[in-house]
Amino acid sequence: KRKQQGMLIGCPDLFLPKYKLFIEMKRRDGGVVSEQQKEIHELLRSYGYTVAICHGAKEAYDVVKEKING
């Protein structure tokens, strides 16, 4: 569906531009990062972005909170 909308395959699910933070959301039990996602994540990191892979909303919340607080 995202591809049909013109989005890049492998691009993380969430982006917080103010903090240069991308978040890839995965299921709490099991979610796996694909090879395409790994490639995009490394590209984003090479441009100076932080990419976090979070298993569940709680983990994503903690990453955002840590990024905001320093």
Protein backbone atom coordinates (compact mmCIF):
# COMPACT_ATOMS: atom_id res chain seq x y z
CA LYS A 1 0.00 0.00 0.00
CA ARG A 2 2.81 2.43 0.86
CA LYS A 3 4.51 1.72 -2.46
CA GLN A 4 1.29 2.66 -4.27
CA GLN A 5 1.36 5.96 -2.37
CA GLY A 6 4.85 6.65 -3.69
CA MET A 7 6.73 5.88 -0.49
CA LEU A 8 10.19 4.35 -0.49
CA ILE A 9 10.21 0.63 0.28
CA GLY A 10 12.05 0.01 3.52
CA CYS A 11 11.54 3.51 4.89
CA PRO A 12 10.84 3.51 8.65
CA ASP A 13 7.28 3.96 9.88
CA LEU A 14 7.70 7.15 11.91
CA PHE A 15 9.81 10.29 11.52
CA LEU A 16 10.39 13.10 14.01
CA PRO A 17 12.24 15.74 11.95
CA LYS A 18 13.00 18.00 14.91
CA TYR A 19 15.05 15.21 16.49
CA LYS A 20 16.35 13.64 13.23
CA LEU A 21 14.81 10.39 14.45
CA PHE A 22 13.29 7.59 12.40
CA ILE A 23 11.46 4.76 14.14
CA GLU A 24 10.82 1.36 12.60
CA MET A 25 7.91 -0.29 14.40
CA LYS A 26 7.87 -4.06 14.82
CA ARG A 27 5.58 -6.43 16.66
CA ARG A 28 6.51 -7.03 20.27
CA ASP A 29 6.89 -10.73 19.59
CA GLY A 30 8.73 -11.55 16.48
CA GLY A 31 8.83 -8.63 14.05
CA VAL A 32 11.86 -8.90 11.75
CA VAL A 33 13.74 -6.18 9.86
CA SER A 34 13.95 -6.98 6.13
CA GLU A 35 17.11 -6.61 4.06
CA GLN A 36 15.57 -3.61 2.24
CA GLN A 37 14.86 -1.96 5.58
CA LYS A 38 18.41 -2.59 6.79
CA GLU A 39 19.80 -0.93 3.66
CA ILE A 40 17.58 2.14 4.06
CA HIS A 41 18.39 2.37 7.77
CA GLU A 42 22.13 2.37 7.04
CA LEU A 43 21.64 5.04 4.35
CA LEU A 44 19.71 7.24 6.78
CA ARG A 45 22.38 6.77 9.46
CA SER A 46 25.07 7.78 6.94
CA TYR A 47 23.17 11.09 6.54
CA GLY A 48 23.28 11.67 10.30
CA TYR A 49 19.82 10.45 11.28
CA THR A 50 19.10 8.17 14.22
CA VAL A 51 17.16 5.02 13.32
CA ALA A 52 15.59 3.02 16.12
CA ILE A 53 13.91 -0.34 15.74
CA CYS A 54 11.18 -0.61 18.36
CA HIS A 55 9.21 -3.68 19.32
CA GLY A 56 5.95 -2.20 20.54
CA ALA A 57 4.66 1.25 21.45
CA LYS A 58 6.25 1.30 24.91
CA GLU A 59 9.71 0.87 23.45
CA ALA A 60 9.05 3.61 20.87
CA TYR A 61 7.81 5.91 23.62
CA ASP A 62 10.98 5.30 25.63
CA VAL A 63 13.20 6.05 22.60
CA VAL A 64 11.37 9.31 21.88
CA LYS A 65 11.45 10.33 25.54
CA GLU A 66 15.20 9.67 25.73
CA LYS A 67 15.84 11.61 22.52
CA ILE A 68 13.81 14.61 23.75
CA ASN A 69 15.49 14.65 27.17
CA GLY A 70 18.97 14.59 25.76
